[in-house]
């Protein structure tokens, strides 16, 4: 596997991380505001874990689910509209990473992560399990297919004959 086939995928992974963290956190912010919350602090910088804090937050479960639902919805809608392989790569990355985030939060028990906050606000483990199962399955198979498609496409471009510099006479 050549570097020319890996570099575009590495660039898309970086872009996918930025899209995922931003869309997830913006989902919290949109839903928090929509439910009458007052945003008191936030950080959307993707190289740190973004966060948002509302006080008061009249409907914290809706605010929390907003990041998980809109963090997937925004990238998938863009992929549907643009119909490009690289958009689907990003969308499936977002689906998979949101599922991994919730599953990892459940396993770790870290109180500042969305999973434990959802449990503290009355969410059932069955709902979390359904979310994790759906996002991990759809995200894994879609992301895997996207990677294979992108690597095949970049391989085809790398193996195409180069145009000659001969002029037509």
N, C-alpha and C. Protein backbone atom coordinates (compact mmCIF):
# COMPACT_ATOMS: atom_id res chain seq x y z
N UNK A 1 0.84 -1.17 0.00
CA UNK A 1 0.00 0.00 0.00
C UNK A 1 0.89 1.24 0.00
N UNK A 2 0.66 2.11 -0.95
CA UNK A 2 1.51 3.28 -1.09
C UNK A 2 1.01 4.43 -0.25
N UNK A 3 1.90 5.36 -0.03
CA UNK A 3 1.57 6.55 0.75
C UNK A 3 0.49 7.38 0.05
N UNK A 4 0.47 7.33 -1.29
CA UNK A 4 -0.53 8.08 -2.04
C UNK A 4 -1.95 7.55 -1.81
N UNK A 5 -2.05 6.30 -1.41
CA UNK A 5 -3.37 5.74 -1.11
C UNK A 5 -3.77 6.00 0.33
N UNK A 6 -2.79 6.16 1.21
CA UNK A 6 -3.08 6.35 2.64
C UNK A 6 -3.32 7.82 2.98
N UNK A 7 -2.60 8.74 2.37
CA UNK A 7 -2.71 10.16 2.72
C UNK A 7 -4.14 10.71 2.62
N UNK A 8 -4.86 10.43 1.55
CA UNK A 8 -6.25 10.95 1.51
C UNK A 8 -7.12 10.40 2.64
N UNK A 9 -6.92 9.14 2.98
CA UNK A 9 -7.70 8.53 4.06
C UNK A 9 -7.33 9.18 5.39
N UNK A 10 -6.04 9.43 5.61
CA UNK A 10 -5.61 10.09 6.85
C UNK A 10 -6.21 11.50 6.94
N UNK A 11 -6.21 12.23 5.82
CA UNK A 11 -6.82 13.56 5.81
C UNK A 11 -8.32 13.50 6.10
N UNK A 12 -8.99 12.50 5.54
CA UNK A 12 -10.42 12.34 5.80
C UNK A 12 -10.70 11.94 7.24
N UNK A 13 -9.81 11.16 7.83
CA UNK A 13 -9.98 10.81 9.25
C UNK A 13 -9.90 12.06 10.12
N UNK A 14 -8.95 12.93 9.82
CA UNK A 14 -8.83 14.18 10.57
C UNK A 14 -10.08 15.04 10.38
N UNK A 15 -10.52 15.19 9.15
CA UNK A 15 -11.74 15.95 8.88
C UNK A 15 -12.95 15.31 9.56
N UNK A 16 -13.01 13.98 9.55
CA UNK A 16 -14.12 13.26 10.19
C UNK A 16 -14.16 13.53 11.68
N UNK A 17 -12.99 13.54 12.33
CA UNK A 17 -12.94 13.84 13.76
C UNK A 17 -13.49 15.24 14.04
N UNK A 18 -13.08 16.20 13.23
CA UNK A 18 -13.53 17.58 13.42
C UNK A 18 -15.05 17.68 13.23
N UNK A 19 -15.55 17.05 12.17
CA UNK A 19 -16.99 17.07 11.91
C UNK A 19 -17.75 16.38 13.04
N UNK A 20 -17.24 15.23 13.48
CA UNK A 20 -17.94 14.48 14.53
C UNK A 20 -18.00 15.27 15.84
N UNK A 21 -16.86 15.79 16.30
CA UNK A 21 -16.87 16.50 17.58
C UNK A 21 -17.72 17.76 17.50
N UNK A 22 -17.64 18.46 16.39
CA UNK A 22 -18.39 19.71 16.25
C UNK A 22 -19.88 19.44 16.12
N UNK A 23 -20.27 18.49 15.26
CA UNK A 23 -21.71 18.23 15.09
C UNK A 23 -22.32 17.65 16.36
N UNK A 24 -21.59 16.82 17.07
CA UNK A 24 -22.08 16.25 18.33
C UNK A 24 -22.33 17.37 19.34
N UNK A 25 -21.34 18.23 19.52
CA UNK A 25 -21.49 19.29 20.53
C UNK A 25 -22.53 20.32 20.11
N UNK A 26 -22.57 20.65 18.82
CA UNK A 26 -23.61 21.57 18.35
C UNK A 26 -25.00 20.98 18.56
N UNK A 27 -25.12 19.66 18.47
CA UNK A 27 -26.40 19.00 18.76
C UNK A 27 -26.83 19.25 20.20
N UNK A 28 -25.88 19.16 21.14
CA UNK A 28 -26.19 19.48 22.54
C UNK A 28 -26.64 20.94 22.67
N UNK A 29 -25.91 21.83 22.01
CA UNK A 29 -26.19 23.26 22.13
C UNK A 29 -27.56 23.61 21.53
N UNK A 30 -27.84 23.09 20.34
CA UNK A 30 -29.13 23.36 19.68
C UNK A 30 -30.28 22.87 20.55
N UNK A 31 -30.18 21.65 21.05
CA UNK A 31 -31.28 21.08 21.85
C UNK A 31 -31.38 21.75 23.22
N UNK A 32 -30.24 22.09 23.80
CA UNK A 32 -30.27 22.80 25.08
C UNK A 32 -30.98 24.13 24.97
N UNK A 33 -30.64 24.90 23.92
CA UNK A 33 -31.32 26.18 23.69
C UNK A 33 -32.80 25.96 23.38
N UNK A 34 -33.11 24.97 22.55
CA UNK A 34 -34.50 24.72 22.16
C UNK A 34 -35.38 24.37 23.35
N UNK A 35 -34.77 23.80 24.39
CA UNK A 35 -35.52 23.40 25.59
C UNK A 35 -35.51 24.48 26.66
N UNK A 36 -34.99 25.65 26.34
CA UNK A 36 -35.01 26.75 27.29
C UNK A 36 -33.81 26.82 28.22
N UNK A 37 -32.75 26.09 27.92
CA UNK A 37 -31.56 26.13 28.76
C UNK A 37 -30.74 27.39 28.52
N UNK A 38 -29.92 27.73 29.49
CA UNK A 38 -29.01 28.87 29.37
C UNK A 38 -27.58 28.33 29.29
N UNK A 39 -26.95 28.56 28.15
CA UNK A 39 -25.58 28.10 27.94
C UNK A 39 -24.64 28.96 28.77
N UNK A 40 -23.90 28.34 29.69
CA UNK A 40 -22.99 29.11 30.54
C UNK A 40 -21.53 28.92 30.15
N UNK A 41 -21.21 27.82 29.46
CA UNK A 41 -19.83 27.58 29.05
C UNK A 41 -19.82 26.54 27.93
N UNK A 42 -18.90 26.71 27.00
CA UNK A 42 -18.75 25.73 25.93
C UNK A 42 -17.35 25.83 25.34
N UNK A 43 -16.95 24.78 24.64
CA UNK A 43 -15.68 24.74 23.93
C UNK A 43 -15.88 23.80 22.75
N UNK A 44 -15.66 24.29 21.54
CA UNK A 44 -15.84 23.49 20.33
C UNK A 44 -14.52 23.13 19.66
N UNK A 45 -13.40 23.39 20.31
CA UNK A 45 -12.10 23.11 19.72
C UNK A 45 -11.92 21.59 19.60
N UNK A 46 -11.70 21.08 18.36
CA UNK A 46 -11.70 19.63 18.16
C UNK A 46 -10.49 18.88 18.71
N UNK A 47 -9.38 19.54 19.00
CA UNK A 47 -8.23 18.80 19.53
C UNK A 47 -8.29 18.65 21.04
N UNK A 48 -9.31 19.25 21.66
CA UNK A 48 -9.68 18.92 23.04
C UNK A 48 -11.08 18.32 22.94
N UNK A 49 -11.51 17.66 23.97
CA UNK A 49 -12.88 17.16 23.90
C UNK A 49 -13.84 18.32 24.10
N UNK A 50 -14.63 18.65 23.08
CA UNK A 50 -15.57 19.76 23.21
C UNK A 50 -16.61 19.49 24.30
N UNK A 51 -17.16 20.57 24.84
CA UNK A 51 -18.18 20.43 25.88
C UNK A 51 -19.10 21.64 25.84
N UNK A 52 -20.25 21.49 26.47
CA UNK A 52 -21.18 22.60 26.68
C UNK A 52 -21.88 22.37 28.00
N UNK A 53 -22.07 23.46 28.73
CA UNK A 53 -22.75 23.38 30.03
C UNK A 53 -23.89 24.38 30.06
N UNK A 54 -25.06 23.89 30.44
CA UNK A 54 -26.24 24.72 30.58
C UNK A 54 -26.63 24.80 32.04
N UNK A 55 -27.09 25.99 32.45
CA UNK A 55 -27.62 26.14 33.79
C UNK A 55 -28.58 27.33 33.77
N UNK A 56 -29.83 27.11 33.95
CA UNK A 56 -30.46 25.80 34.15
C UNK A 56 -30.59 25.06 32.82
N UNK A 57 -30.80 23.78 32.94
CA UNK A 57 -31.09 22.92 31.79
C UNK A 57 -32.38 22.19 32.13
N UNK A 58 -33.53 22.76 31.72
CA UNK A 58 -34.82 22.20 32.12
C UNK A 58 -35.05 20.75 31.66
N UNK A 59 -34.45 20.36 30.56
CA UNK A 59 -34.64 19.01 30.02
C UNK A 59 -33.29 18.40 29.65
N UNK A 60 -32.52 18.01 30.63
CA UNK A 60 -31.15 17.54 30.35
C UNK A 60 -31.09 16.29 29.47
N UNK A 61 -32.08 15.42 29.57
CA UNK A 61 -32.07 14.23 28.70
C UNK A 61 -32.18 14.62 27.24
N UNK A 62 -33.00 15.60 26.93
CA UNK A 62 -33.13 16.06 25.55
C UNK A 62 -31.83 16.72 25.09
N UNK A 63 -31.24 17.53 25.95
CA UNK A 63 -29.96 18.16 25.62
C UNK A 63 -28.90 17.10 25.37
N UNK A 64 -28.83 16.09 26.21
CA UNK A 64 -27.84 15.02 26.05
C UNK A 64 -28.09 14.21 24.78
N UNK A 65 -29.33 13.82 24.54
CA UNK A 65 -29.64 13.07 23.33
C UNK A 65 -29.42 13.90 22.08
N UNK A 66 -29.53 15.22 22.20
CA UNK A 66 -29.31 16.09 21.05
C UNK A 66 -27.94 15.91 20.42
N UNK A 67 -26.91 15.77 21.26
CA UNK A 67 -25.57 15.53 20.72
C UNK A 67 -25.47 14.21 20.01
N UNK A 68 -26.11 13.20 20.57
CA UNK A 68 -26.03 11.85 19.99
C UNK A 68 -26.85 11.71 18.72
N UNK A 69 -27.99 12.36 18.66
CA UNK A 69 -28.85 12.25 17.48
C UNK A 69 -28.42 13.22 16.39
N UNK A 70 -28.28 14.50 16.73
CA UNK A 70 -27.89 15.48 15.71
C UNK A 70 -26.44 15.30 15.28
N UNK A 71 -25.62 14.75 16.15
CA UNK A 71 -24.22 14.46 15.80
C UNK A 71 -24.10 13.41 14.71
N UNK A 72 -25.16 12.66 14.52
CA UNK A 72 -25.23 11.69 13.41
C UNK A 72 -26.07 12.27 12.27
N UNK A 73 -27.17 12.91 12.62
CA UNK A 73 -28.12 13.41 11.63
C UNK A 73 -27.48 14.41 10.66
N UNK A 74 -26.77 15.41 11.19
CA UNK A 74 -26.16 16.44 10.33
C UNK A 74 -25.23 15.83 9.28
N UNK A 75 -24.24 15.01 9.67
CA UNK A 75 -23.34 14.44 8.65
C UNK A 75 -24.05 13.50 7.66
N UNK A 76 -25.03 12.74 8.13
CA UNK A 76 -25.73 11.82 7.22
C UNK A 76 -26.56 12.61 6.21
N UNK A 77 -27.23 13.66 6.65
CA UNK A 77 -28.02 14.49 5.73
C UNK A 77 -27.11 15.12 4.67
N UNK A 78 -25.96 15.60 5.07
CA UNK A 78 -25.02 16.19 4.11
C UNK A 78 -24.57 15.12 3.12
N UNK A 79 -24.29 13.91 3.59
CA UNK A 79 -23.88 12.82 2.69
C UNK A 79 -25.01 12.46 1.72
N UNK A 80 -26.24 12.44 2.20
CA UNK A 80 -27.38 12.14 1.33
C UNK A 80 -27.51 13.21 0.25
N UNK A 81 -27.35 14.47 0.64
CA UNK A 81 -27.51 15.57 -0.32
C UNK A 81 -26.38 15.63 -1.33
N UNK A 82 -25.14 15.46 -0.87
CA UNK A 82 -23.98 15.59 -1.77
C UNK A 82 -23.65 14.31 -2.54
N UNK A 83 -24.03 13.15 -1.99
CA UNK A 83 -23.82 11.86 -2.63
C UNK A 83 -22.39 11.66 -3.13
N UNK A 84 -21.45 11.86 -2.24
CA UNK A 84 -20.03 11.65 -2.54
C UNK A 84 -19.48 10.61 -1.59
N UNK A 85 -18.57 9.78 -2.08
CA UNK A 85 -17.97 8.74 -1.24
C UNK A 85 -17.33 9.32 0.00
N UNK A 86 -16.60 10.44 -0.13
CA UNK A 86 -15.92 11.00 1.02
C UNK A 86 -16.90 11.54 2.06
N UNK A 87 -18.08 11.98 1.62
CA UNK A 87 -19.10 12.43 2.58
C UNK A 87 -19.66 11.25 3.37
N UNK A 88 -19.83 10.11 2.69
CA UNK A 88 -20.31 8.92 3.39
C UNK A 88 -19.26 8.40 4.36
N UNK A 89 -17.99 8.51 4.00
CA UNK A 89 -16.90 8.14 4.90
C UNK A 89 -17.04 8.93 6.21
N UNK A 90 -17.22 10.24 6.09
CA UNK A 90 -17.35 11.10 7.27
C UNK A 90 -18.63 10.76 8.04
N UNK A 91 -19.73 10.58 7.33
CA UNK A 91 -21.01 10.28 7.99
C UNK A 91 -20.93 8.97 8.78
N UNK A 92 -20.38 7.92 8.16
CA UNK A 92 -20.28 6.64 8.88
C UNK A 92 -19.29 6.72 10.03
N UNK A 93 -18.24 7.52 9.88
CA UNK A 93 -17.32 7.75 11.00
C UNK A 93 -18.09 8.35 12.17
N UNK A 94 -18.95 9.32 11.89
CA UNK A 94 -19.73 9.97 12.94
C UNK A 94 -20.70 9.00 13.61
N UNK A 95 -21.33 8.15 12.82
CA UNK A 95 -22.25 7.16 13.38
C UNK A 95 -21.48 6.21 14.30
N UNK A 96 -20.38 5.67 13.79
CA UNK A 96 -19.58 4.72 14.56
C UNK A 96 -18.99 5.35 15.81
N UNK A 97 -18.43 6.54 15.68
CA UNK A 97 -17.75 7.15 16.83
C UNK A 97 -18.74 7.58 17.92
N UNK A 98 -19.95 8.01 17.54
CA UNK A 98 -20.95 8.32 18.57
C UNK A 98 -21.35 7.06 19.33
N UNK A 99 -21.51 5.95 18.62
CA UNK A 99 -21.81 4.69 19.29
C UNK A 99 -20.68 4.23 20.19
N UNK A 100 -19.45 4.35 19.70
CA UNK A 100 -18.29 3.97 20.52
C UNK A 100 -18.17 4.85 21.76
N UNK A 101 -18.46 6.13 21.58
CA UNK A 101 -18.38 7.07 22.70
C UNK A 101 -19.37 6.69 23.81
N UNK A 102 -20.59 6.37 23.43
CA UNK A 102 -21.60 6.01 24.43
C UNK A 102 -21.27 4.66 25.07
N UNK A 103 -20.81 3.70 24.27
CA UNK A 103 -20.43 2.39 24.82
C UNK A 103 -19.23 2.54 25.75
N UNK A 104 -18.24 3.31 25.36
CA UNK A 104 -17.05 3.51 26.21
C UNK A 104 -17.41 4.23 27.50
N UNK A 105 -18.32 5.19 27.42
CA UNK A 105 -18.78 5.88 28.62
C UNK A 105 -19.50 4.96 29.57
N UNK A 106 -20.25 4.03 29.04
CA UNK A 106 -20.97 3.05 29.84
C UNK A 106 -19.97 2.13 30.54
N UNK A 107 -18.99 1.67 29.80
CA UNK A 107 -17.98 0.77 30.36
C UNK A 107 -17.11 1.48 31.39
N UNK A 108 -16.69 2.71 31.09
CA UNK A 108 -15.78 3.42 31.99
C UNK A 108 -16.47 3.93 33.25
N UNK A 109 -17.75 4.30 33.12
CA UNK A 109 -18.46 4.86 34.25
C UNK A 109 -18.04 6.29 34.59
N UNK A 110 -17.31 6.94 33.69
CA UNK A 110 -16.83 8.31 33.91
C UNK A 110 -18.02 9.27 34.00
N UNK A 111 -18.12 9.97 35.11
CA UNK A 111 -19.30 10.79 35.41
C UNK A 111 -19.47 12.00 34.49
N UNK A 112 -18.42 12.45 33.82
CA UNK A 112 -18.53 13.62 32.95
C UNK A 112 -18.92 13.26 31.52
N UNK A 113 -19.03 11.99 31.20
CA UNK A 113 -19.41 11.57 29.86
C UNK A 113 -20.93 11.46 29.74
N UNK A 114 -21.41 11.58 28.51
CA UNK A 114 -22.86 11.63 28.26
C UNK A 114 -23.61 10.40 28.77
N UNK A 115 -23.02 9.22 28.67
CA UNK A 115 -23.73 8.00 29.07
C UNK A 115 -24.13 8.05 30.54
N UNK A 116 -23.21 8.37 31.40
CA UNK A 116 -23.49 8.40 32.84
C UNK A 116 -24.45 9.55 33.16
N UNK A 117 -24.31 10.67 32.47
CA UNK A 117 -25.25 11.77 32.66
C UNK A 117 -26.67 11.35 32.25
N UNK A 118 -26.77 10.59 31.15
CA UNK A 118 -28.08 10.09 30.74
C UNK A 118 -28.67 9.18 31.81
N UNK A 119 -27.86 8.27 32.34
CA UNK A 119 -28.35 7.38 33.41
C UNK A 119 -28.78 8.19 34.63
N UNK A 120 -28.00 9.18 35.01
CA UNK A 120 -28.34 10.01 36.18
C UNK A 120 -29.64 10.78 35.97
N UNK A 121 -29.98 11.04 34.71
CA UNK A 121 -31.21 11.78 34.41
C UNK A 121 -32.36 10.86 34.03
N UNK A 122 -32.24 9.58 34.35
CA UNK A 122 -33.36 8.67 34.23
C UNK A 122 -33.44 7.85 32.96
N UNK A 123 -32.43 7.89 32.11
CA UNK A 123 -32.48 7.08 30.89
C UNK A 123 -32.29 5.62 31.23
N UNK A 124 -32.98 4.75 30.52
CA UNK A 124 -32.89 3.32 30.79
C UNK A 124 -31.68 2.71 30.09
N UNK A 125 -31.17 1.64 30.66
CA UNK A 125 -30.04 0.95 30.04
C UNK A 125 -30.46 0.30 28.73
N UNK A 126 -31.75 -0.06 28.60
CA UNK A 126 -32.22 -0.66 27.35
C UNK A 126 -32.14 0.32 26.19
N UNK A 127 -32.49 1.57 26.45
CA UNK A 127 -32.41 2.58 25.39
C UNK A 127 -30.96 2.81 24.97
N UNK A 128 -30.08 2.88 25.95
CA UNK A 128 -28.65 3.05 25.64
C UNK A 128 -28.14 1.84 24.86
N UNK A 129 -28.55 0.65 25.25
CA UNK A 129 -28.13 -0.56 24.56
C UNK A 129 -28.61 -0.56 23.11
N UNK A 130 -29.85 -0.16 22.88
CA UNK A 130 -30.39 -0.09 21.51
C UNK A 130 -29.59 0.92 20.69
N UNK A 131 -29.32 2.10 21.26
CA UNK A 131 -28.54 3.12 20.55
C UNK A 131 -27.16 2.58 20.20
N UNK A 132 -26.49 1.98 21.17
CA UNK A 132 -25.14 1.45 20.93
C UNK A 132 -25.16 0.36 19.86
N UNK A 133 -26.09 -0.55 19.95
CA UNK A 133 -26.17 -1.66 18.99
C UNK A 133 -26.40 -1.14 17.58
N UNK A 134 -27.33 -0.23 17.43
CA UNK A 134 -27.64 0.30 16.10
C UNK A 134 -26.47 1.10 15.53
N UNK A 135 -25.92 2.02 16.30
CA UNK A 135 -24.85 2.87 15.77
C UNK A 135 -23.58 2.08 15.53
N UNK A 136 -23.27 1.13 16.40
CA UNK A 136 -22.05 0.35 16.20
C UNK A 136 -22.17 -0.55 14.97
N UNK A 137 -23.33 -1.17 14.79
CA UNK A 137 -23.51 -2.06 13.63
C UNK A 137 -23.54 -1.26 12.32
N UNK A 138 -24.39 -0.27 12.25
CA UNK A 138 -24.50 0.54 11.02
C UNK A 138 -23.19 1.27 10.76
N UNK A 139 -22.62 1.86 11.80
CA UNK A 139 -21.37 2.60 11.64
C UNK A 139 -20.21 1.73 11.21
N UNK A 140 -20.08 0.55 11.81
CA UNK A 140 -18.96 -0.33 11.47
C UNK A 140 -19.03 -0.76 10.01
N UNK A 141 -20.16 -1.32 9.61
CA UNK A 141 -20.26 -1.84 8.24
C UNK A 141 -20.20 -0.73 7.20
N UNK A 142 -20.82 0.41 7.47
CA UNK A 142 -20.76 1.53 6.54
C UNK A 142 -19.36 2.13 6.45
N UNK A 143 -18.71 2.29 7.60
CA UNK A 143 -17.36 2.87 7.61
C UNK A 143 -16.37 1.93 6.93
N UNK A 144 -16.50 0.64 7.20
CA UNK A 144 -15.61 -0.34 6.56
C UNK A 144 -15.78 -0.29 5.04
N UNK A 145 -17.01 -0.26 4.57
CA UNK A 145 -17.28 -0.18 3.14
C UNK A 145 -16.71 1.12 2.55
N UNK A 146 -16.84 2.22 3.29
CA UNK A 146 -16.33 3.50 2.82
C UNK A 146 -14.81 3.49 2.69
N UNK A 147 -14.14 2.91 3.66
CA UNK A 147 -12.68 2.84 3.60
C UNK A 147 -12.25 2.00 2.40
N UNK A 148 -12.86 0.85 2.22
CA UNK A 148 -12.50 -0.02 1.09
C UNK A 148 -12.76 0.68 -0.24
N UNK A 149 -13.87 1.38 -0.34
CA UNK A 149 -14.20 2.09 -1.58
C UNK A 149 -13.19 3.21 -1.84
N UNK A 150 -12.83 3.97 -0.81
CA UNK A 150 -11.86 5.05 -1.00
C UNK A 150 -10.48 4.52 -1.36
N UNK A 151 -10.06 3.46 -0.73
CA UNK A 151 -8.75 2.88 -1.05
C UNK A 151 -8.74 2.33 -2.47
N UNK A 152 -9.83 1.72 -2.89
CA UNK A 152 -9.91 1.20 -4.26
C UNK A 152 -9.90 2.34 -5.27
N UNK A 153 -10.63 3.41 -4.96
CA UNK A 153 -10.68 4.56 -5.86
C UNK A 153 -9.32 5.23 -5.98
N UNK A 154 -8.64 5.43 -4.84
CA UNK A 154 -7.33 6.07 -4.90
C UNK A 154 -6.32 5.15 -5.57
N UNK A 155 -6.49 3.84 -5.44
CA UNK A 155 -5.61 2.89 -6.12
C UNK A 155 -5.81 2.93 -7.63
N UNK A 156 -7.08 3.07 -8.06
CA UNK A 156 -7.37 3.17 -9.48
C UNK A 156 -6.75 4.43 -10.06
N UNK A 157 -6.85 5.54 -9.33
CA UNK A 157 -6.27 6.79 -9.82
C UNK A 157 -4.76 6.69 -9.90
N UNK A 158 -4.15 6.02 -8.93
CA UNK A 158 -2.69 5.89 -8.93
C UNK A 158 -2.22 4.99 -10.06
N UNK A 159 -3.05 4.02 -10.49
CA UNK A 159 -2.65 3.08 -11.53
C UNK A 159 -3.07 3.50 -12.93
N UNK A 160 -3.77 4.62 -13.07
CA UNK A 160 -4.17 5.10 -14.38
C UNK A 160 -2.95 5.53 -15.16
N UNK A 161 -2.93 5.28 -16.48
CA UNK A 161 -1.80 5.75 -17.29
C UNK A 161 -1.77 7.28 -17.31
N UNK A 162 -0.59 7.79 -17.25
CA UNK A 162 -0.42 9.23 -17.30
C UNK A 162 -0.51 9.70 -18.75
N UNK A 163 -1.15 10.87 -18.97
CA UNK A 163 -1.25 11.36 -20.35
C UNK A 163 0.15 11.70 -20.88
N UNK A 164 0.32 11.45 -22.14
CA UNK A 164 1.64 11.74 -22.73
C UNK A 164 1.72 13.23 -23.03
N UNK A 165 2.91 13.71 -23.18
CA UNK A 165 3.15 15.12 -23.46
C UNK A 165 3.27 15.36 -24.95
N UNK A 166 2.89 14.40 -25.75
CA UNK A 166 2.98 14.53 -27.19
C UNK A 166 1.87 15.43 -27.68
N UNK A 167 2.20 16.28 -28.60
CA UNK A 167 1.17 17.15 -29.17
C UNK A 167 0.53 16.45 -30.36
N UNK A 168 -0.67 16.86 -30.67
CA UNK A 168 -1.37 16.31 -31.83
C UNK A 168 -0.94 17.07 -33.06
N UNK A 169 -0.50 16.37 -34.07
CA UNK A 169 -0.03 17.04 -35.28
C UNK A 169 -0.90 16.72 -36.45
